[in-house]
Amino acid sequence: MDSFLLIAYLVLVFLAFVQAFTVGVQTWEHRRYVRSCLRGLTKHRPRGRAAVFAPCKGIDVDLEDNLRALLRQDYDDYEVTFIVESADDPACPTIRRIMAEHPSVATRLIVAGKATSTGQKIHNLRAATADLSPEVSYLAFIDSDAHPRPDWLRIIVSRLSRGTLGAVTGYRWFVPKRSTFVNHLLYSLNSNVMALLGHNSHYLIWGGSWGLRRDVFDSIELHEAWDGALTEDLVAGCQLRQAGLRVRFEPACVVASPMDYSPREMWSFMRRQYLLGRLYTFDWWMLALASTTLGNLGWIVNTIALVMSLAFGSVPLWLPLVVYAMLYYPPIYRGVVRQSLIRTYFPDQERALRSARRFDIVAGPIVGLVNWLGVIGSLFGYRVTWRGISYLVSPTGKVRSVRHQHDPDAESNPPEPAVAHSVSIDNTETYVEEPTSLRKAG
């Protein structure tokens, strides 16, 4: 190997090692931050009416347990609104049954109808937040595939009540329902991402578990900003960033998320996550592309060096072997640190996640390669399939067309006025079901 190539090889693997080391330091900091935040949570007893919004579509894994946990929150003054696309949604019987089991919690079920110019989830949320009660001081949002802790809502309100934050966000901890390679791979990918969160989450919000104050929701005009968009959380993060309001990652709001994916579902999930990042947070998507590319090029170039050493002897054999050890150690360390947090986040899941945790510790290079492929896959196209609905999105992040699975040949009409959602919900009684004490606004 000529000296120029040797120098280029050494520089590249050194940069890859520095990148891996830096992520390792962040993983350690994540664990330190999590442990410090989860001390003394029982002393926080905030006040104020909180409205929780839970969009649902279909039967998620452990849906009934997830919704039941939402109605057993350790908070005295809150209401829960479930939102579905259609009264025929398979989730509706489960929702009604859970609501009937908890008459002491104010609940309602809103049928929002089909989205035509936004993501269905945003359509649902805009319908539910179109006419908020003046009594509501806090808004919290949670996905139907998330299982919150009993103190989830109390901690969100506690952090927000101090008045210095724009929003509080949690994240998901995947819980594979079956011990398969795909489930373990997605579990590890998700664990890697969560370890990047800390005290300053850089305005990034995860839509499955987050909240903000009512006055912030109104001041950043989030309801209007959602119009025409596909993802509510990244849009919310952009609005908060423009307003100069900080987002805090709150470990107590990390939720267990049961899952069971096929290879096709996993790839669709990965590509969608990164494609949304490219459309709405381009700077962070570019950072992910650069970081994953650098890390994987280190492994690829070192493998080439090993082959050249074995075939031609142009590189001393010990050099690529030492480099392999240098590149492999940081992912193992990060995996050990991440998986030690299961005792902090979800100690009851420690035994159930044993095989997934071992995979996360030893499979770093494979996970990194798949993650890189997911980022590369998001380079191309503007069509996203999400919960059985296909969206065509413009480069600016606006939804151009919506194709529902039951209408495969029908593209959506041009965007409708934003007020159409609130009119159909608030003025048509058949769209709203109220089996408990929560009164419809207006």
Protein backbone atom coordinates (compact mmCIF):
# COMPACT_ATOMS: atom_id res chain seq x y z
CA MET A 1 0.00 0.00 0.00
CA ASP A 2 1.43 3.33 -0.98
CA SER A 3 2.09 5.94 1.69
CA PHE A 4 -0.74 8.24 0.59
CA LEU A 5 -3.32 5.45 0.84
CA LEU A 6 -1.88 4.33 4.16
CA ILE A 7 -2.18 7.84 5.60
CA ALA A 8 -5.73 8.21 4.26
CA TYR A 9 -6.64 4.82 5.79
CA LEU A 10 -5.19 5.75 9.17
CA VAL A 11 -6.89 9.17 9.19
CA LEU A 12 -10.26 7.65 8.29
CA VAL A 13 -10.16 4.94 10.96
CA PHE A 14 -8.96 7.49 13.51
CA LEU A 15 -11.93 9.75 12.73
CA ALA A 16 -14.27 6.75 12.94
CA PHE A 17 -12.83 5.90 16.35
CA VAL A 18 -13.23 9.50 17.55
CA GLN A 19 -16.84 9.48 16.38
CA ALA A 20 -17.48 6.20 18.22
CA PHE A 21 -15.74 7.50 21.34
CA THR A 22 -17.78 10.72 21.29
CA VAL A 23 -21.05 8.79 21.09
CA GLY A 24 -19.80 6.62 23.94
CA VAL A 25 -19.27 9.70 26.11
CA GLN A 26 -22.79 10.89 25.27
CA THR A 27 -24.18 7.47 26.21
CA TRP A 28 -22.47 7.69 29.59
CA GLU A 29 -23.85 11.21 30.07
CA HIS A 30 -27.34 9.96 29.17
CA ARG A 31 -27.14 7.35 31.95
CA ARG A 32 -25.88 9.91 34.47
CA TYR A 33 -28.66 12.33 33.55
CA VAL A 34 -31.36 9.65 33.72
CA ARG A 35 -30.32 8.46 37.17
CA SER A 36 -30.18 12.00 38.52
CA CYS A 37 -33.64 12.86 37.13
CA LEU A 38 -35.39 9.79 38.50
CA ARG A 39 -34.49 10.55 42.12
CA GLY A 40 -37.17 12.07 44.33
CA LEU A 41 -40.00 12.13 41.79
CA THR A 42 -42.69 11.46 44.40
CA LYS A 43 -42.31 14.91 45.95
CA HIS A 44 -43.63 16.71 42.86
CA ARG A 45 -47.36 17.46 43.25
CA PRO A 46 -48.31 20.06 40.63
CA ARG A 47 -51.80 21.48 40.04
CA GLY A 48 -53.72 22.47 36.95
CA ARG A 49 -56.12 20.90 34.46
CA ALA A 50 -54.34 18.64 31.97
CA ALA A 51 -55.83 17.42 28.69
CA VAL A 52 -54.35 14.20 27.33
CA PHE A 53 -54.76 13.30 23.65
CA ALA A 54 -54.35 9.74 22.41
CA PRO A 55 -54.84 9.17 18.66
CA CYS A 56 -55.60 5.52 17.89
CA LYS A 57 -55.71 3.46 14.71
CA GLY A 58 -56.14 -0.29 14.64
CA ILE A 59 -55.17 -2.82 17.28
CA ASP A 60 -51.67 -2.16 18.57
CA VAL A 61 -49.76 -4.78 20.52
CA ASP A 62 -51.10 -4.69 24.12
CA LEU A 63 -53.51 -1.87 23.23
CA GLU A 64 -55.85 -2.59 26.13
CA ASP A 65 -53.08 -2.52 28.73
CA ASN A 66 -51.66 0.69 27.24
CA LEU A 67 -54.99 2.53 27.38
CA ARG A 68 -55.77 1.22 30.86
CA ALA A 69 -52.42 2.59 32.10
CA LEU A 70 -53.36 5.97 30.65
CA LEU A 71 -56.53 6.08 32.74
CA ARG A 72 -54.69 5.13 35.94
CA GLN A 73 -52.44 8.15 36.17
CA ASP A 74 -51.31 9.51 39.53
CA TYR A 75 -52.80 12.94 38.83
CA ASP A 76 -56.05 14.36 40.16
CA ASP A 77 -57.18 16.80 37.50
CA TYR A 78 -57.02 15.46 33.96
CA GLU A 79 -59.15 14.40 31.02
CA VAL A 80 -58.39 11.99 28.21
CA THR A 81 -59.51 12.32 24.60
CA PHE A 82 -59.20 9.33 22.30
CA ILE A 83 -59.32 10.15 18.59
CA VAL A 84 -59.96 7.74 15.71
CA GLU A 85 -60.42 8.15 11.99
CA SER A 86 -63.62 6.15 11.78
CA ALA A 87 -66.28 4.77 14.10
CA ASP A 88 -65.53 1.40 12.48
CA ASP A 89 -61.91 1.47 13.62
CA PRO A 90 -61.01 -1.85 15.33
CA ALA A 91 -59.70 0.12 18.32
CA CYS A 92 -63.13 1.58 19.15
CA PRO A 93 -64.56 -1.41 21.09
CA THR A 94 -61.42 -1.53 23.24
CA ILE A 95 -61.54 2.22 23.84
CA ARG A 96 -65.21 2.13 24.85
CA ARG A 97 -64.61 -0.79 27.21
CA ILE A 98 -61.67 0.94 28.93
CA MET A 99 -63.64 4.17 29.25
CA ALA A 100 -66.53 2.33 30.87
CA GLU A 101 -64.15 0.71 33.36
CA HIS A 102 -62.93 4.12 34.58
CA PRO A 103 -65.96 6.36 35.12
CA SER A 104 -64.03 8.57 37.53
CA VAL A 105 -61.77 9.84 34.71
CA ALA A 106 -63.25 12.36 32.29
CA THR A 107 -62.96 10.81 28.83
CA ARG A 108 -64.35 11.15 25.35
CA LEU A 109 -63.96 9.48 21.97
CA ILE A 110 -63.78 11.69 18.89
CA VAL A 111 -64.30 10.39 15.35
CA ALA A 112 -62.26 12.77 13.21
CA GLY A 113 -62.94 11.38 9.73
CA LYS A 114 -60.41 10.79 6.97
CA ALA A 115 -57.53 13.16 6.39
CA THR A 116 -57.34 14.72 2.96
CA SER A 117 -54.54 17.25 3.22
CA THR A 118 -52.51 16.31 6.31
CA GLY A 119 -51.21 13.23 8.05
CA GLN A 120 -54.06 11.28 9.65
CA LYS A 121 -52.53 11.65 13.11
CA ILE A 122 -52.27 15.42 12.69
CA HIS A 123 -55.82 15.51 11.35
CA ASN A 124 -56.97 13.71 14.48
CA LEU A 125 -55.05 16.03 16.79
CA ARG A 126 -56.26 19.17 15.05
CA ALA A 127 -59.83 17.96 15.42
CA ALA A 128 -59.35 17.28 19.13
CA THR A 129 -57.56 20.56 19.91
CA ALA A 130 -59.67 22.86 17.75
CA ASP A 131 -61.75 24.23 20.63
CA LEU A 132 -59.99 23.65 23.94
CA SER A 133 -61.77 24.32 27.20
CA PRO A 134 -60.53 27.48 28.97
CA GLU A 135 -59.98 25.31 32.07
CA VAL A 136 -57.14 23.39 30.36
CA SER A 137 -53.67 24.57 31.40
CA TYR A 138 -51.55 21.71 30.04
CA LEU A 139 -51.67 19.50 26.96
CA ALA A 140 -50.10 16.04 26.82
CA PHE A 141 -49.88 13.66 23.87
CA ILE A 142 -49.28 9.92 23.84
CA ASP A 143 -49.36 7.16 21.23
CA SER A 144 -51.65 4.17 21.55
CA ASP A 145 -48.68 1.77 21.39
CA ALA A 146 -47.08 3.38 24.46
CA HIS A 147 -47.43 2.11 28.04
CA PRO A 148 -46.91 5.08 30.41
CA ARG A 149 -45.73 4.91 34.01
CA PRO A 150 -48.33 5.84 36.68
CA ASP A 151 -46.51 9.14 37.27
CA TRP A 152 -46.12 9.97 33.55
CA LEU A 153 -48.62 12.83 33.44
CA ARG A 154 -47.71 14.18 36.88
CA ILE A 155 -44.06 14.53 35.90
CA ILE A 156 -44.90 16.22 32.59
CA VAL A 157 -47.07 18.79 34.37
CA SER A 158 -44.50 19.20 37.14
CA ARG A 159 -41.73 20.12 34.69
CA LEU A 160 -43.99 22.42 32.67
CA SER A 161 -45.42 24.19 35.73
CA ARG A 162 -42.07 25.84 36.40
CA GLY A 163 -42.67 28.04 33.38
CA THR A 164 -39.17 27.98 31.83
CA LEU A 165 -39.69 25.22 29.25
CA GLY A 166 -41.39 25.13 25.89
CA ALA A 167 -42.10 21.40 26.04
CA VAL A 168 -41.22 18.16 27.80
CA THR A 169 -40.60 14.99 25.81
CA GLY A 170 -40.04 11.35 26.59
CA TYR A 171 -39.10 8.53 24.24
CA ARG A 172 -39.94 4.89 23.68
CA TRP A 173 -38.23 1.76 24.98
CA PHE A 174 -39.18 -1.04 22.63
CA VAL A 175 -40.26 -4.30 24.23
CA PRO A 176 -40.11 -7.14 21.66
CA LYS A 177 -43.00 -9.56 21.97
CA ARG A 178 -41.02 -12.28 20.21
CA SER A 179 -37.30 -13.06 20.31
CA THR A 180 -36.53 -12.58 16.60
CA PHE A 181 -33.56 -11.07 14.79
CA VAL A 182 -35.68 -8.25 13.36
CA ASN A 183 -37.19 -7.33 16.74
CA HIS A 184 -33.77 -7.40 18.38
CA LEU A 185 -32.32 -5.27 15.61
CA LEU A 186 -35.03 -2.64 15.95
CA TYR A 187 -34.71 -2.74 19.74
CA SER A 188 -31.00 -1.98 19.43
CA LEU A 189 -31.49 0.76 16.83
CA ASN A 190 -34.00 2.46 19.10
CA SER A 191 -31.74 2.13 22.15
CA ASN A 192 -28.92 3.80 20.22
CA VAL A 193 -31.10 6.77 19.34
CA MET A 194 -32.48 7.22 22.85
CA ALA A 195 -28.98 7.31 24.34
CA LEU A 196 -28.35 10.52 22.37
CA LEU A 197 -30.97 12.37 24.41
CA GLY A 198 -29.97 14.35 27.46
CA HIS A 199 -30.63 17.54 29.37
CA ASN A 200 -30.69 19.51 26.13
CA SER A 201 -32.60 17.58 23.47
CA HIS A 202 -32.02 20.33 20.88
CA TYR A 203 -35.71 21.07 20.25
CA LEU A 204 -36.40 17.48 19.21
CA ILE A 205 -39.74 16.06 20.36
CA TRP A 206 -40.96 12.48 20.15
CA GLY A 207 -44.69 12.52 19.40
CA GLY A 208 -45.47 9.37 21.36
CA SER A 209 -44.92 10.98 24.78
CA TRP A 210 -44.72 14.74 25.22
CA GLY A 211 -46.50 17.80 26.56
CA LEU A 212 -46.56 21.59 26.67
CA ARG A 213 -48.41 24.39 28.41
CA ARG A 214 -51.65 25.72 26.95
CA ASP A 215 -50.25 29.24 26.63
CA VAL A 216 -47.26 27.92 24.66
CA PHE A 217 -49.53 25.88 22.39
CA ASP A 218 -51.46 29.06 21.60
CA SER A 219 -48.49 31.42 21.35
CA ILE A 220 -46.55 29.32 18.82
CA GLU A 221 -49.78 28.76 16.85
CA LEU A 222 -49.17 25.04 16.76
CA HIS A 223 -52.71 24.16 15.68
CA GLU A 224 -52.25 26.29 12.57
CA ALA A 225 -48.67 25.12 11.97
CA TRP A 226 -49.87 21.50 11.84
CA ASP A 227 -52.12 22.23 8.87
CA GLY A 228 -50.83 20.40 5.81
CA ALA A 229 -47.96 18.64 7.63
CA LEU A 230 -47.32 14.92 8.04
CA THR A 231 -45.66 14.70 11.45
CA GLU A 232 -46.77 16.64 14.50
CA ASP A 233 -43.68 16.32 16.70
CA LEU A 234 -41.03 17.63 14.32
CA VAL A 235 -43.29 20.53 13.38
CA ALA A 236 -43.80 21.31 17.08
CA GLY A 237 -40.03 21.23 17.61
CA CYS A 238 -39.51 23.67 14.73
CA GLN A 239 -42.13 26.06 16.12
CA LEU A 240 -40.56 25.98 19.58
CA ARG A 241 -37.12 26.55 18.12
CA GLN A 242 -38.34 29.61 16.22
CA ALA A 243 -39.85 30.93 19.44
CA GLY A 244 -36.62 30.32 21.36
CA LEU A 245 -38.30 27.89 23.77
CA ARG A 246 -36.34 24.94 25.12
CA VAL A 247 -37.36 21.28 25.02
CA ARG A 248 -36.42 19.04 27.95
CA PHE A 249 -35.98 15.30 27.69
CA GLU A 250 -37.64 13.76 30.73
CA PRO A 251 -36.59 10.17 31.60
CA ALA A 252 -39.75 9.60 33.68
CA CYS A 253 -41.73 10.07 30.46
CA VAL A 254 -39.94 7.26 28.63
CA VAL A 255 -42.64 4.71 27.81
CA ALA A 256 -42.49 0.99 27.20
CA SER A 257 -43.62 0.24 23.65
CA PRO A 258 -44.49 -3.41 22.90
CA MET A 259 -43.68 -4.33 19.30
CA ASP A 260 -43.44 -7.21 16.85
CA TYR A 261 -42.15 -6.31 13.37
CA SER A 262 -41.58 -8.18 10.15
CA PRO A 263 -38.50 -7.31 8.03
CA ARG A 264 -40.66 -5.28 5.65
CA GLU A 265 -42.34 -3.40 8.50
CA MET A 266 -38.97 -2.66 10.09
CA TRP A 267 -37.56 -1.23 6.86
CA SER A 268 -40.69 0.89 6.30
CA PHE A 269 -40.44 2.19 9.86
CA MET A 270 -36.76 3.08 9.57
CA ARG A 271 -37.08 4.80 6.21
CA ARG A 272 -40.11 6.79 7.37
CA GLN A 273 -38.33 8.03 10.48
CA TYR A 274 -35.32 9.28 8.54
CA LEU A 275 -37.38 10.62 5.63
CA LEU A 276 -39.41 12.73 8.04
CA GLY A 277 -36.14 13.94 9.52
CA ARG A 278 -34.90 14.94 6.06
CA LEU A 279 -38.10 16.90 5.39
CA TYR A 280 -38.53 18.66 8.74
CA THR A 281 -35.14 18.74 10.50
CA PHE A 282 -32.65 18.68 7.67
CA ASP A 283 -29.66 19.72 9.79
CA TRP A 284 -30.11 16.79 12.17
CA TRP A 285 -30.72 14.42 9.28
CA MET A 286 -27.45 15.59 7.70
CA LEU A 287 -25.66 14.99 11.00
CA ALA A 288 -27.09 11.45 11.12
CA LEU A 289 -25.98 10.84 7.52
CA ALA A 290 -22.46 12.12 8.16
CA SER A 291 -22.07 10.26 11.46
CA THR A 292 -23.34 6.89 10.21
CA THR A 293 -21.36 7.19 6.98
CA LEU A 294 -18.11 7.92 8.81
CA GLY A 295 -18.62 5.06 11.26
CA ASN A 296 -19.38 2.51 8.56
CA LEU A 297 -16.63 3.68 6.20
CA GLY A 298 -14.17 2.97 9.00
CA TRP A 299 -15.30 -0.68 9.10
CA ILE A 300 -15.40 -1.01 5.31
CA VAL A 301 -11.97 0.49 4.69
CA ASN A 302 -10.45 -1.60 7.48
CA THR A 303 -11.94 -4.74 5.95
CA ILE A 304 -10.34 -3.81 2.63
CA ALA A 305 -7.04 -3.32 4.44
CA LEU A 306 -7.37 -6.78 6.01
CA VAL A 307 -8.02 -8.38 2.62
CA MET A 308 -4.99 -6.59 1.13
CA SER A 309 -2.88 -7.75 4.04
CA LEU A 310 -3.91 -11.39 3.59
CA ALA A 311 -3.73 -11.34 -0.21
CA PHE A 312 -0.69 -9.19 -0.89
CA GLY A 313 0.98 -8.50 2.44
CA SER A 314 0.90 -4.77 1.64
CA VAL A 315 -0.33 -3.97 5.15
CA PRO A 316 0.99 -5.55 8.36
CA LEU A 317 -1.68 -8.00 9.54
CA TRP A 318 -1.63 -6.67 13.09
CA LEU A 319 -2.74 -3.19 11.95
CA PRO A 320 -6.28 -3.99 10.71
CA LEU A 321 -6.75 -6.40 13.61
CA VAL A 322 -5.88 -3.68 16.12
CA VAL A 323 -8.18 -1.27 14.28
CA TYR A 324 -11.03 -3.80 14.47
CA ALA A 325 -10.56 -3.98 18.22
CA MET A 326 -10.51 -0.18 18.49
CA LEU A 327 -13.72 0.15 16.46
CA TYR A 328 -15.53 -2.72 18.18
CA TYR A 329 -14.86 -1.76 21.80
CA PRO A 330 -16.88 1.54 21.87
CA PRO A 331 -20.14 -0.10 20.63
CA ILE A 332 -19.76 -2.83 23.27
CA TYR A 333 -19.23 -0.21 25.97
CA ARG A 334 -22.23 1.80 24.77
CA GLY A 335 -24.37 -1.34 24.75
CA VAL A 336 -23.38 -2.23 28.30
CA VAL A 337 -24.12 1.30 29.52
CA ARG A 338 -27.47 1.48 27.71
CA GLN A 339 -28.66 -1.88 28.88
CA SER A 340 -27.71 -1.18 32.49
CA LEU A 341 -30.50 1.41 32.38
CA ILE A 342 -33.21 -1.23 32.08
CA ARG A 343 -32.96 -1.58 35.88
CA THR A 344 -33.70 2.13 36.13
CA TYR A 345 -36.36 2.54 33.46
CA PHE A 346 -38.23 -0.78 33.58
CA PRO A 347 -36.85 -3.21 36.18
CA ASP A 348 -39.87 -5.46 35.68
CA GLN A 349 -38.78 -6.04 32.04
CA GLU A 350 -35.21 -7.06 32.84
CA ARG A 351 -35.73 -10.80 32.44
CA ALA A 352 -38.06 -10.50 29.44
CA LEU A 353 -35.50 -8.39 27.57
CA ARG A 354 -32.48 -10.54 28.36
CA SER A 355 -31.84 -11.79 24.81
CA ALA A 356 -32.53 -8.38 23.23
CA ARG A 357 -30.12 -6.74 25.67
CA ARG A 358 -27.36 -9.21 24.86
CA PHE A 359 -27.90 -8.61 21.16
CA ASP A 360 -27.60 -4.86 21.65
CA ILE A 361 -24.26 -5.26 23.42
CA VAL A 362 -22.54 -7.54 20.88
CA ALA A 363 -24.15 -6.62 17.54
CA GLY A 364 -22.93 -3.03 17.27
CA PRO A 365 -21.38 -3.28 13.76
CA ILE A 366 -24.50 -4.94 12.30
CA VAL A 367 -26.80 -2.42 13.93
CA GLY A 368 -24.64 0.45 12.69
CA LEU A 369 -24.70 -0.90 9.13
CA VAL A 370 -28.48 -1.32 9.08
CA ASN A 371 -28.90 2.15 10.57
CA TRP A 372 -26.72 3.59 7.82
CA LEU A 373 -28.76 1.81 5.14
CA GLY A 374 -31.91 3.30 6.66
CA VAL A 375 -30.47 6.81 6.41
CA ILE A 376 -29.38 6.19 2.82
CA GLY A 377 -32.83 4.82 1.99
CA SER A 378 -34.37 8.10 3.10
CA LEU A 379 -32.33 9.96 0.46
CA PHE A 380 -34.79 9.02 -2.23
CA GLY A 381 -38.46 9.74 -2.81
CA TYR A 382 -41.23 11.69 -1.12
CA ARG A 383 -43.86 8.99 -0.60
CA VAL A 384 -44.45 7.67 2.92
CA THR A 385 -46.68 4.79 4.01
CA TRP A 386 -47.87 5.11 7.61
CA ARG A 387 -50.51 2.98 9.32
CA GLY A 388 -51.89 1.79 6.00
CA ILE A 389 -52.13 5.28 4.47
CA SER A 390 -49.86 6.46 1.66
CA TYR A 391 -48.77 10.11 1.61
CA LEU A 392 -47.01 12.07 -1.11
CA VAL A 393 -45.07 14.91 0.52
CA SER A 394 -43.49 17.95 -1.11
CA PRO A 395 -39.83 18.92 -0.47
CA THR A 396 -41.15 21.60 1.92
CA GLY A 397 -42.89 18.97 4.08
CA LYS A 398 -46.45 19.74 2.96
CA VAL A 399 -48.73 16.81 2.17
CA ARG A 400 -49.63 16.81 -1.53
CA SER A 401 -51.93 13.81 -1.59
CA VAL A 402 -53.38 11.16 0.72
CA ARG A 403 -54.30 7.67 -0.41
CA HIS A 404 -56.17 5.50 2.09
CA GLN A 405 -55.75 1.74 1.82
CA HIS A 406 -59.45 1.23 1.16
CA ASP A 407 -59.34 3.79 -1.67
CA PRO A 408 -56.26 2.67 -3.63
CA ASP A 409 -57.17 4.63 -6.76
CA ALA A 410 -58.33 7.83 -5.10
CA GLU A 411 -55.95 10.72 -4.51
CA SER A 412 -57.01 13.45 -2.13
CA ASN A 413 -58.59 16.71 -3.18
CA PRO A 414 -56.76 20.03 -2.90
CA PRO A 415 -56.18 21.15 0.70
CA GLU A 416 -59.30 22.22 2.55
CA PRO A 417 -59.55 25.21 4.91
CA ALA A 418 -58.13 24.47 8.34
CA VAL A 419 -61.44 25.32 10.05
CA ALA A 420 -63.19 22.43 8.32
CA HIS A 421 -61.84 20.01 10.92
CA SER A 422 -63.17 21.91 13.93
CA VAL A 423 -66.54 22.59 12.34
CA SER A 424 -67.20 18.93 11.58
CA ILE A 425 -66.21 17.86 15.07
CA ASP A 426 -67.69 20.60 17.22
CA ASN A 427 -71.00 21.18 15.48
CA THR A 428 -71.99 17.62 14.56
CA GLU A 429 -73.02 15.65 17.60
CA THR A 430 -72.67 12.25 15.91
CA TYR A 431 -68.91 12.76 15.62
CA VAL A 432 -68.37 12.88 19.37
CA GLU A 433 -69.08 10.14 21.89
CA GLU A 434 -69.21 11.12 25.57
CA PRO A 435 -69.91 8.17 27.86
CA THR A 436 -68.47 9.95 30.91
CA SER A 437 -68.50 13.33 32.56
CA LEU A 438 -66.37 15.32 30.07
CA ARG A 439 -68.50 17.91 28.33
CA LYS A 440 -67.96 18.87 24.74
CA ALA A 441 -66.52 22.36 24.38
CA GLY A 442 -69.08 24.83 22.97
